Amino acid sequence: MRRRILAAVAAIALTAGLAACSGQNDDLANLYREGNTQGFISSDGRVETIPADKRGEALSFSGTSVDGSTISSDDFAGDVVVLNFWYAACGPCRAEAPVLEETFQDTKAGGAQFLGVNIYDGPEQATSFDETYGITYPSILARGDVDLKLAFADWTSLQAAPTTLVVDREGRVAARLFGQLPDATTLRDLVEDTLAETP
């Protein structure tokens, strides 16, 4: 009976898709933490690092941020950037939000930039998520933006959330994390290693 209830809750949340965040007692995040992943399109927690000589072309993208401004890859020229693909009704995205913000705070003084790529939501839902979880870095909105989705197609399926990319100073993907971040240490180490590279 409990399993049916949990599955129904997850299905309703995903059907609604854009439900507002519900605060610290977050039902979706709690369901995910308890092992109920039904309905979530996610990955297995693998971390892939890419040697500098195998990173290929620089990412090139442009999108509309939550506040309506335009953010592009040009804004991050010469910076190490963490790109996190997420949406508000995604349980593991909610569970990892504090880890992302903590890592951002820990690494921004060293020159790291963070940018969310919201794959489903409009500005209202994304803003609510940011306020609920204390996210201080910006996000761009991919819903309905085919060009933005295509810009990342070689590196992540926008159906697989969360996914996190660490991008080097030349705009190339240096590391890829599949699924929910396990802890702040893993991402921080990847960011710091990339910051330490000589361009």
Protein backbone atom coordinates (compact mmCIF):
# COMPACT_ATOMS: atom_id res chain seq x y z
CA MET A 1 0.00 0.00 0.00
CA ARG A 2 2.80 2.40 0.95
CA ARG A 3 4.56 1.67 -2.35
CA ARG A 4 1.39 2.51 -4.30
CA ILE A 5 0.99 5.76 -2.38
CA LEU A 6 4.61 6.76 -2.99
CA ALA A 7 4.35 5.92 -6.69
CA ALA A 8 1.13 7.91 -6.97
CA VAL A 9 2.68 10.93 -5.27
CA ALA A 10 5.68 10.83 -7.62
CA ALA A 11 3.46 10.41 -10.67
CA ILE A 12 1.23 13.32 -9.67
CA ALA A 13 4.24 15.52 -9.03
CA LEU A 14 5.75 14.69 -12.38
CA THR A 15 2.47 15.15 -14.21
CA ALA A 16 2.15 18.57 -12.66
CA GLY A 17 5.80 18.98 -13.53
CA LEU A 18 6.05 22.55 -12.48
CA ALA A 19 4.84 22.38 -8.93
CA ALA A 20 6.10 25.10 -6.61
CA CYS A 21 8.75 24.13 -4.10
CA SER A 22 7.37 23.22 -0.71
CA GLY A 23 10.14 24.26 1.67
CA GLN A 24 12.51 22.30 3.85
CA ASN A 25 10.05 19.41 4.42
CA ASP A 26 10.23 18.63 0.71
CA ASP A 27 8.10 15.59 -0.15
CA LEU A 28 9.73 14.88 -3.52
CA ALA A 29 13.27 15.11 -2.18
CA ASN A 30 12.31 12.94 0.80
CA LEU A 31 10.73 10.31 -1.45
CA TYR A 32 13.91 10.22 -3.50
CA ARG A 33 16.11 9.91 -0.41
CA GLU A 34 13.95 6.98 0.75
CA GLY A 35 14.72 5.15 -2.48
CA ASN A 36 11.57 5.85 -4.48
CA THR A 37 12.98 6.80 -7.89
CA GLN A 38 9.95 5.79 -9.95
CA GLY A 39 9.18 8.49 -12.50
CA PHE A 40 12.52 10.24 -12.16
CA ILE A 41 14.74 10.23 -15.24
CA SER A 42 18.18 10.19 -13.70
CA SER A 43 21.56 8.54 -13.92
CA ASP A 44 23.75 6.38 -11.77
CA GLY A 45 26.12 8.73 -9.97
CA ARG A 46 29.14 8.06 -12.18
CA VAL A 47 31.87 10.68 -12.50
CA GLU A 48 33.73 10.97 -15.79
CA THR A 49 36.86 13.10 -16.13
CA ILE A 50 38.15 13.98 -19.58
CA PRO A 51 41.89 14.46 -20.21
CA ALA A 52 42.73 17.88 -21.64
CA ASP A 53 43.86 16.47 -24.99
CA LYS A 54 40.52 14.68 -25.48
CA ARG A 55 38.08 17.46 -24.60
CA GLY A 56 37.17 18.49 -28.11
CA GLU A 57 35.44 21.72 -29.05
CA ALA A 58 34.37 24.48 -26.69
CA LEU A 59 30.71 24.73 -25.76
CA SER A 60 28.82 27.58 -27.38
CA PHE A 61 25.41 28.49 -26.01
CA SER A 62 23.04 31.35 -25.34
CA GLY A 63 19.83 31.35 -23.35
CA THR A 64 17.32 33.41 -21.43
CA SER A 65 17.88 33.56 -17.69
CA VAL A 66 15.21 33.39 -15.02
CA ASP A 67 15.22 37.19 -14.76
CA GLY A 68 14.78 37.61 -18.53
CA SER A 69 18.35 38.63 -19.36
CA THR A 70 20.50 36.78 -21.89
CA ILE A 71 23.40 34.63 -20.68
CA SER A 72 25.84 33.06 -23.11
CA SER A 73 29.06 31.10 -23.11
CA ASP A 74 30.82 34.37 -24.03
CA ASP A 75 30.02 35.66 -20.53
CA PHE A 76 32.26 32.94 -19.07
CA ALA A 77 35.26 33.29 -21.39
CA GLY A 78 38.41 32.30 -19.51
CA ASP A 79 36.47 31.00 -16.48
CA VAL A 80 35.88 27.53 -15.09
CA VAL A 81 32.12 26.95 -15.15
CA VAL A 82 29.87 24.38 -13.50
CA LEU A 83 26.72 23.70 -15.52
CA ASN A 84 23.95 21.91 -13.63
CA PHE A 85 20.91 20.56 -15.52
CA TRP A 86 17.81 20.48 -13.32
CA TYR A 87 14.08 21.10 -12.94
CA ALA A 88 11.94 21.99 -9.95
CA ALA A 89 9.89 18.78 -9.62
CA CYS A 90 13.00 16.55 -9.76
CA GLY A 91 13.60 14.90 -6.37
CA PRO A 92 17.35 14.36 -6.79
CA CYS A 93 17.71 17.93 -8.10
CA ARG A 94 16.17 19.18 -4.87
CA ALA A 95 18.30 16.84 -2.77
CA GLU A 96 21.54 18.07 -4.36
CA ALA A 97 20.67 21.81 -4.40
CA PRO A 98 22.41 22.54 -1.06
CA VAL A 99 25.53 20.72 -2.29
CA LEU A 100 25.69 22.87 -5.41
CA GLU A 101 25.25 26.11 -3.49
CA GLU A 102 27.85 25.06 -0.91
CA THR A 103 30.36 24.24 -3.65
CA PHE A 104 29.64 27.51 -5.41
CA GLN A 105 30.33 29.44 -2.23
CA ASP A 106 33.52 27.43 -1.61
CA THR A 107 34.97 27.93 -5.11
CA LYS A 108 33.77 31.30 -6.41
CA ALA A 109 36.64 33.18 -4.77
CA GLY A 110 39.00 30.97 -6.75
CA GLY A 111 37.34 31.97 -10.00
CA ALA A 112 34.64 29.32 -10.54
CA GLN A 113 31.28 30.30 -12.02
CA PHE A 114 28.06 28.30 -11.70
CA LEU A 115 25.10 28.25 -14.10
CA GLY A 116 21.93 26.21 -13.88
CA VAL A 117 20.21 24.94 -17.01
CA ASN A 118 16.54 24.43 -16.18
CA ILE A 119 15.14 21.89 -18.60
CA TYR A 120 11.34 22.10 -17.97
CA ASP A 121 10.26 25.08 -15.90
CA GLY A 122 9.21 28.64 -16.54
CA PRO A 123 10.63 31.60 -14.62
CA GLU A 124 8.09 31.42 -11.77
CA GLN A 125 8.89 27.82 -10.84
CA ALA A 126 12.63 28.35 -11.23
CA THR A 127 12.52 31.46 -9.04
CA SER A 128 10.54 29.61 -6.37
CA PHE A 129 13.11 26.82 -6.38
CA ASP A 130 16.00 29.28 -6.02
CA GLU A 131 14.29 31.04 -3.12
CA THR A 132 13.44 27.78 -1.35
CA TYR A 133 16.93 26.32 -1.61
CA GLY A 134 18.92 29.54 -1.33
CA ILE A 135 20.47 29.25 -4.79
CA THR A 136 22.41 32.43 -5.56
CA TYR A 137 23.84 31.63 -9.00
CA PRO A 138 21.76 32.14 -12.17
CA SER A 139 19.92 29.65 -14.37
CA ILE A 140 18.90 29.72 -18.01
CA LEU A 141 15.63 28.22 -19.24
CA ALA A 142 15.78 25.47 -21.87
CA ARG A 143 12.05 24.77 -22.20
CA GLY A 144 11.10 25.57 -25.78
CA ASP A 145 14.64 26.69 -26.68
CA VAL A 146 15.75 24.20 -29.33
CA ASP A 147 19.08 25.93 -30.01
CA LEU A 148 20.00 25.83 -26.33
CA LYS A 149 19.16 22.14 -26.09
CA LEU A 150 21.21 21.37 -29.19
CA ALA A 151 24.20 23.23 -27.72
CA PHE A 152 24.52 20.54 -25.03
CA ALA A 153 23.39 17.51 -27.04
CA ASP A 154 26.89 16.01 -27.33
CA TRP A 155 27.38 16.04 -23.58
CA THR A 156 24.08 15.34 -21.90
CA SER A 157 20.55 14.28 -22.64
CA LEU A 158 18.23 16.96 -21.35
CA GLN A 159 15.96 14.11 -20.30
CA ALA A 160 18.56 12.99 -17.74
CA ALA A 161 18.44 15.24 -14.72
CA PRO A 162 20.36 16.03 -12.74
CA THR A 163 23.57 16.08 -14.74
CA THR A 164 26.52 18.35 -13.94
CA LEU A 165 29.32 19.45 -16.27
CA VAL A 166 32.59 21.09 -15.24
CA VAL A 167 33.87 23.27 -18.08
CA ASP A 168 37.49 24.37 -18.32
CA ARG A 169 38.84 27.87 -19.05
CA GLU A 170 38.77 27.13 -22.77
CA GLY A 171 35.07 26.27 -22.66
CA ARG A 172 35.59 22.52 -22.99
CA VAL A 173 33.94 19.87 -20.82
CA ALA A 174 36.53 18.62 -18.32
CA ALA A 175 34.26 16.43 -16.18
CA ARG A 176 30.74 15.08 -16.20
CA LEU A 177 28.72 13.87 -13.21
CA PHE A 178 25.74 11.65 -13.91
CA GLY A 179 22.88 11.88 -11.45
CA GLN A 180 22.67 13.36 -7.97
CA LEU A 181 25.92 14.75 -6.58
CA PRO A 182 27.07 12.51 -3.73
CA ASP A 183 28.59 15.35 -1.69
CA ALA A 184 30.24 18.75 -1.97
CA THR A 185 33.75 17.27 -1.79
CA THR A 186 33.49 15.41 -5.10
CA LEU A 187 32.40 18.46 -7.09
CA ARG A 188 34.72 20.83 -5.25
CA ASP A 189 37.73 18.62 -6.01
CA LEU A 190 36.82 18.52 -9.71
CA VAL A 191 36.37 22.29 -9.83
CA GLU A 192 39.61 22.98 -7.99
CA ASP A 193 41.53 20.57 -10.24
CA THR A 194 40.16 22.36 -13.30
CA LEU A 195 40.95 25.77 -11.84
CA ALA A 196 44.53 24.61 -11.27
CA GLU A 197 45.07 23.66 -14.91
CA THR A 198 47.34 25.85 -17.01
CA PRO A 199 45.48 27.05 -20.13
